[in-house]
Amino acid sequence: MIDLYFVQDVLLPPLIEGVLVTIKLIILSIPSGLILGILIAVGRVYGNKFISSLCAIYTIFFRGTPLLIQLFIIYYALPSIGIFFSPFMAAVTGFILCSGAYHS
């Protein structure tokens, strides 16, 4: 039988912490991604040829690569060129960039 005290004392606190981190991630990345997506869409529609092309390349790149690969690039590759993120901020940045591409 399952020991409910074990579940309550050992298993439940990390699960609650994970849920809170997920909620923080959603609260930060969805609105920011929407704002970025609107800016990219405006750039594609109303920008000159150069701006429109840059926005199209951004959209194609971030829609075309898997989110996990983007997160690996942000967290592992960018520090090699001097751009450092905490694990949480790397996740937020990745979700914002990906969400912005899909919102545009």
N, C-alpha and C. Protein backbone atom coordinates (compact mmCIF):
# COMPACT_ATOMS: atom_id res chain seq x y z
N MET A 1 0.82 -1.18 0.00
CA MET A 1 0.00 0.00 0.00
C MET A 1 0.87 1.25 0.00
N ILE A 2 0.36 2.33 -0.53
CA ILE A 2 1.10 3.58 -0.60
C ILE A 2 1.02 4.29 0.75
N ASP A 3 2.16 4.73 1.21
CA ASP A 3 2.23 5.48 2.47
C ASP A 3 1.91 6.94 2.17
N LEU A 4 0.78 7.42 2.65
CA LEU A 4 0.35 8.78 2.35
C LEU A 4 1.26 9.83 2.97
N TYR A 5 1.89 9.52 4.08
CA TYR A 5 2.83 10.47 4.68
C TYR A 5 4.06 10.64 3.80
N PHE A 6 4.50 9.54 3.17
CA PHE A 6 5.63 9.63 2.24
C PHE A 6 5.27 10.51 1.05
N VAL A 7 4.08 10.32 0.53
CA VAL A 7 3.63 11.13 -0.60
C VAL A 7 3.54 12.59 -0.19
N GLN A 8 2.97 12.86 0.97
CA GLN A 8 2.78 14.24 1.42
C GLN A 8 4.10 14.91 1.77
N ASP A 9 5.00 14.21 2.40
CA ASP A 9 6.24 14.82 2.88
C ASP A 9 7.36 14.81 1.86
N VAL A 10 7.41 13.82 0.99
CA VAL A 10 8.55 13.67 0.09
C VAL A 10 8.20 14.01 -1.35
N LEU A 11 7.09 13.52 -1.84
CA LEU A 11 6.76 13.68 -3.25
C LEU A 11 6.04 14.98 -3.58
N LEU A 12 5.19 15.43 -2.70
CA LEU A 12 4.36 16.59 -2.99
C LEU A 12 5.12 17.92 -3.09
N PRO A 13 6.08 18.23 -2.20
CA PRO A 13 6.76 19.53 -2.31
C PRO A 13 7.49 19.76 -3.64
N PRO A 14 8.23 18.79 -4.20
CA PRO A 14 8.84 19.05 -5.50
C PRO A 14 7.82 19.23 -6.62
N LEU A 15 6.70 18.51 -6.53
CA LEU A 15 5.66 18.67 -7.54
C LEU A 15 5.04 20.06 -7.49
N ILE A 16 4.80 20.56 -6.29
CA ILE A 16 4.24 21.91 -6.14
C ILE A 16 5.24 22.95 -6.64
N GLU A 17 6.51 22.75 -6.32
CA GLU A 17 7.54 23.67 -6.81
C GLU A 17 7.60 23.67 -8.33
N GLY A 18 7.49 22.51 -8.94
CA GLY A 18 7.50 22.42 -10.40
C GLY A 18 6.30 23.11 -11.02
N VAL A 19 5.14 22.97 -10.40
CA VAL A 19 3.94 23.65 -10.90
C VAL A 19 4.11 25.16 -10.82
N LEU A 20 4.69 25.65 -9.73
CA LEU A 20 4.89 27.10 -9.58
C LEU A 20 5.89 27.63 -10.61
N VAL A 21 6.95 26.89 -10.87
CA VAL A 21 7.92 27.30 -11.89
C VAL A 21 7.25 27.32 -13.26
N THR A 22 6.42 26.34 -13.55
CA THR A 22 5.70 26.30 -14.82
C THR A 22 4.77 27.49 -14.97
N ILE A 23 4.08 27.85 -13.91
CA ILE A 23 3.17 29.00 -13.96
C ILE A 23 3.96 30.29 -14.18
N LYS A 24 5.11 30.44 -13.51
CA LYS A 24 5.95 31.63 -13.73
C LYS A 24 6.42 31.69 -15.18
N LEU A 25 6.81 30.55 -15.71
CA LEU A 25 7.28 30.48 -17.09
C LEU A 25 6.18 30.90 -18.06
N ILE A 26 4.97 30.44 -17.82
CA ILE A 26 3.85 30.79 -18.69
C ILE A 26 3.52 32.27 -18.57
N ILE A 27 3.50 32.79 -17.34
CA ILE A 27 3.15 34.20 -17.13
C ILE A 27 4.15 35.13 -17.81
N LEU A 28 5.42 34.74 -17.83
CA LEU A 28 6.43 35.59 -18.46
C LEU A 28 6.50 35.42 -19.97
N SER A 29 6.35 34.21 -20.47
CA SER A 29 6.66 33.98 -21.87
C SER A 29 5.48 34.20 -22.82
N ILE A 30 4.28 33.90 -22.42
CA ILE A 30 3.15 34.04 -23.35
C ILE A 30 2.88 35.50 -23.71
N PRO A 31 2.73 36.42 -22.74
CA PRO A 31 2.50 37.82 -23.14
C PRO A 31 3.69 38.43 -23.89
N SER A 32 4.90 38.10 -23.47
CA SER A 32 6.08 38.64 -24.16
C SER A 32 6.17 38.09 -25.57
N GLY A 33 5.86 36.81 -25.75
CA GLY A 33 5.86 36.22 -27.09
C GLY A 33 4.79 36.84 -27.97
N LEU A 34 3.65 37.16 -27.39
CA LEU A 34 2.59 37.81 -28.16
C LEU A 34 3.02 39.19 -28.62
N ILE A 35 3.65 39.95 -27.75
CA ILE A 35 4.15 41.28 -28.12
C ILE A 35 5.20 41.16 -29.22
N LEU A 36 6.14 40.23 -29.06
CA LEU A 36 7.15 40.02 -30.10
C LEU A 36 6.51 39.60 -31.41
N GLY A 37 5.51 38.72 -31.35
CA GLY A 37 4.83 38.28 -32.56
C GLY A 37 4.12 39.42 -33.28
N ILE A 38 3.52 40.31 -32.52
CA ILE A 38 2.86 41.47 -33.13
C ILE A 38 3.89 42.37 -33.80
N LEU A 39 5.03 42.59 -33.14
CA LEU A 39 6.08 43.42 -33.74
C LEU A 39 6.63 42.78 -35.01
N ILE A 40 6.83 41.47 -35.00
CA ILE A 40 7.33 40.77 -36.18
C ILE A 40 6.30 40.84 -37.31
N ALA A 41 5.02 40.66 -36.99
CA ALA A 41 3.98 40.72 -38.01
C ALA A 41 3.89 42.12 -38.62
N VAL A 42 3.99 43.14 -37.78
CA VAL A 42 3.97 44.52 -38.30
C VAL A 42 5.19 44.76 -39.18
N GLY A 43 6.34 44.25 -38.77
CA GLY A 43 7.54 44.39 -39.59
C GLY A 43 7.43 43.68 -40.92
N ARG A 44 6.78 42.54 -40.95
CA ARG A 44 6.62 41.81 -42.21
C ARG A 44 5.64 42.51 -43.14
N VAL A 45 4.59 43.10 -42.58
CA VAL A 45 3.55 43.69 -43.42
C VAL A 45 3.90 45.12 -43.83
N TYR A 46 4.37 45.93 -42.88
CA TYR A 46 4.56 47.35 -43.14
C TYR A 46 6.01 47.77 -43.29
N GLY A 47 6.95 46.88 -43.05
CA GLY A 47 8.35 47.26 -43.15
C GLY A 47 8.82 47.32 -44.59
N ASN A 48 9.98 47.96 -44.77
CA ASN A 48 10.55 47.96 -46.11
C ASN A 48 11.03 46.55 -46.45
N LYS A 49 11.60 46.38 -47.62
CA LYS A 49 11.97 45.05 -48.09
C LYS A 49 12.98 44.37 -47.16
N PHE A 50 13.95 45.13 -46.65
CA PHE A 50 14.98 44.57 -45.78
C PHE A 50 14.38 44.10 -44.45
N ILE A 51 13.58 44.96 -43.82
CA ILE A 51 12.95 44.61 -42.54
C ILE A 51 12.01 43.43 -42.72
N SER A 52 11.23 43.44 -43.79
CA SER A 52 10.31 42.35 -44.06
C SER A 52 11.05 41.03 -44.26
N SER A 53 12.18 41.08 -44.94
CA SER A 53 12.98 39.87 -45.15
C SER A 53 13.56 39.36 -43.84
N LEU A 54 14.07 40.26 -42.99
CA LEU A 54 14.59 39.84 -41.68
C LEU A 54 13.50 39.18 -40.83
N CYS A 55 12.32 39.77 -40.84
CA CYS A 55 11.21 39.20 -40.07
C CYS A 55 10.81 37.83 -40.62
N ALA A 56 10.83 37.69 -41.94
CA ALA A 56 10.49 36.40 -42.55
C ALA A 56 11.54 35.34 -42.20
N ILE A 57 12.81 35.71 -42.22
CA ILE A 57 13.88 34.77 -41.86
C ILE A 57 13.74 34.35 -40.40
N TYR A 58 13.46 35.30 -39.53
CA TYR A 58 13.25 34.98 -38.11
C TYR A 58 12.10 33.98 -37.95
N THR A 59 10.99 34.26 -38.61
CA THR A 59 9.83 33.39 -38.50
C THR A 59 10.11 31.99 -39.05
N ILE A 60 10.75 31.92 -40.20
CA ILE A 60 11.06 30.62 -40.80
C ILE A 60 12.01 29.84 -39.90
N PHE A 61 13.03 30.51 -39.35
CA PHE A 61 14.00 29.81 -38.51
C PHE A 61 13.35 29.26 -37.25
N PHE A 62 12.61 30.10 -36.53
CA PHE A 62 12.07 29.66 -35.25
C PHE A 62 10.87 28.74 -35.39
N ARG A 63 10.16 28.79 -36.51
CA ARG A 63 9.10 27.81 -36.75
C ARG A 63 9.68 26.50 -37.27
N GLY A 64 10.81 26.58 -37.94
CA GLY A 64 11.38 25.40 -38.59
C GLY A 64 12.28 24.55 -37.73
N THR A 65 12.75 25.07 -36.61
CA THR A 65 13.61 24.27 -35.74
C THR A 65 12.82 23.86 -34.50
N PRO A 66 13.08 22.67 -33.99
CA PRO A 66 12.37 22.23 -32.78
C PRO A 66 12.74 23.10 -31.57
N LEU A 67 11.78 23.27 -30.69
CA LEU A 67 11.98 24.09 -29.50
C LEU A 67 13.12 23.56 -28.65
N LEU A 68 13.26 22.26 -28.55
CA LEU A 68 14.33 21.68 -27.75
C LEU A 68 15.70 22.08 -28.29
N ILE A 69 15.85 22.09 -29.61
CA ILE A 69 17.11 22.51 -30.22
C ILE A 69 17.37 23.99 -29.92
N GLN A 70 16.34 24.81 -29.99
CA GLN A 70 16.49 26.23 -29.68
C GLN A 70 16.93 26.42 -28.23
N LEU A 71 16.34 25.65 -27.32
CA LEU A 71 16.72 25.75 -25.91
C LEU A 71 18.17 25.30 -25.70
N PHE A 72 18.59 24.24 -26.40
CA PHE A 72 19.98 23.80 -26.31
C PHE A 72 20.93 24.87 -26.82
N ILE A 73 20.57 25.51 -27.92
CA ILE A 73 21.42 26.57 -28.48
C ILE A 73 21.52 27.73 -27.49
N ILE A 74 20.39 28.14 -26.93
CA ILE A 74 20.39 29.27 -26.00
C ILE A 74 21.19 28.95 -24.74
N TYR A 75 21.02 27.75 -24.21
CA TYR A 75 21.65 27.43 -22.92
C TYR A 75 23.09 26.96 -23.05
N TYR A 76 23.41 26.21 -24.12
CA TYR A 76 24.74 25.63 -24.23
C TYR A 76 25.65 26.34 -25.23
N ALA A 77 25.11 26.84 -26.34
CA ALA A 77 25.97 27.43 -27.37
C ALA A 77 26.24 28.91 -27.13
N LEU A 78 25.26 29.65 -26.66
CA LEU A 78 25.48 31.09 -26.46
C LEU A 78 26.54 31.41 -25.41
N PRO A 79 26.71 30.62 -24.34
CA PRO A 79 27.81 30.93 -23.41
C PRO A 79 29.19 30.84 -24.05
N SER A 80 29.34 30.09 -25.13
CA SER A 80 30.65 30.01 -25.78
C SER A 80 31.01 31.32 -26.48
N ILE A 81 30.02 32.17 -26.76
CA ILE A 81 30.32 33.49 -27.33
C ILE A 81 30.11 34.61 -26.31
N GLY A 82 29.95 34.23 -25.04
CA GLY A 82 29.90 35.23 -23.98
C GLY A 82 28.53 35.68 -23.54
N ILE A 83 27.47 35.02 -23.98
CA ILE A 83 26.11 35.37 -23.58
C ILE A 83 25.63 34.29 -22.61
N PHE A 84 25.45 34.66 -21.34
CA PHE A 84 25.11 33.69 -20.31
C PHE A 84 23.69 33.92 -19.81
N PHE A 85 22.97 32.83 -19.59
CA PHE A 85 21.62 32.85 -19.04
C PHE A 85 21.54 31.88 -17.87
N SER A 86 20.71 32.21 -16.90
CA SER A 86 20.37 31.21 -15.89
C SER A 86 19.45 30.19 -16.57
N PRO A 87 19.32 29.01 -15.99
CA PRO A 87 18.44 28.01 -16.63
C PRO A 87 17.01 28.51 -16.84
N PHE A 88 16.47 29.22 -15.85
CA PHE A 88 15.10 29.72 -15.98
C PHE A 88 15.01 30.78 -17.07
N MET A 89 15.95 31.71 -17.11
CA MET A 89 15.91 32.76 -18.13
C MET A 89 16.18 32.21 -19.53
N ALA A 90 16.98 31.16 -19.63
CA ALA A 90 17.18 30.52 -20.93
C ALA A 90 15.87 29.92 -21.43
N ALA A 91 15.12 29.29 -20.52
CA ALA A 91 13.83 28.73 -20.90
C ALA A 91 12.85 29.82 -21.30
N VAL A 92 12.80 30.89 -20.52
CA VAL A 92 11.89 32.01 -20.83
C VAL A 92 12.25 32.61 -22.19
N THR A 93 13.54 32.83 -22.43
CA THR A 93 13.98 33.41 -23.71
C THR A 93 13.61 32.50 -24.87
N GLY A 94 13.85 31.21 -24.72
CA GLY A 94 13.50 30.26 -25.78
C GLY A 94 12.02 30.24 -26.07
N PHE A 95 11.21 30.23 -25.02
CA PHE A 95 9.76 30.21 -25.21
C PHE A 95 9.26 31.52 -25.82
N ILE A 96 9.85 32.63 -25.45
CA ILE A 96 9.45 33.92 -26.03
C ILE A 96 9.77 33.95 -27.51
N LEU A 97 10.97 33.54 -27.88
CA LEU A 97 11.36 33.57 -29.29
C LEU A 97 10.51 32.63 -30.13
N CYS A 98 10.26 31.44 -29.62
CA CYS A 98 9.44 30.47 -30.35
C CYS A 98 7.98 30.93 -30.43
N SER A 99 7.46 31.39 -29.32
CA SER A 99 6.09 31.87 -29.29
C SER A 99 5.89 33.08 -30.19
N GLY A 100 6.87 33.97 -30.20
CA GLY A 100 6.79 35.14 -31.08
C GLY A 100 6.72 34.75 -32.55
N ALA A 101 7.48 33.73 -32.93
CA ALA A 101 7.45 33.28 -34.32
C ALA A 101 6.08 32.70 -34.68
N TYR A 102 5.50 31.94 -33.79
CA TYR A 102 4.20 31.35 -34.09
C TYR A 102 3.07 32.37 -34.01
N HIS A 103 3.19 33.38 -33.17
CA HIS A 103 2.16 34.42 -33.10
C HIS A 103 2.20 35.33 -34.32
N SER A 104 3.37 35.45 -34.94
CA SER A 104 3.46 36.35 -36.09
C SER A 104 2.80 35.72 -37.30
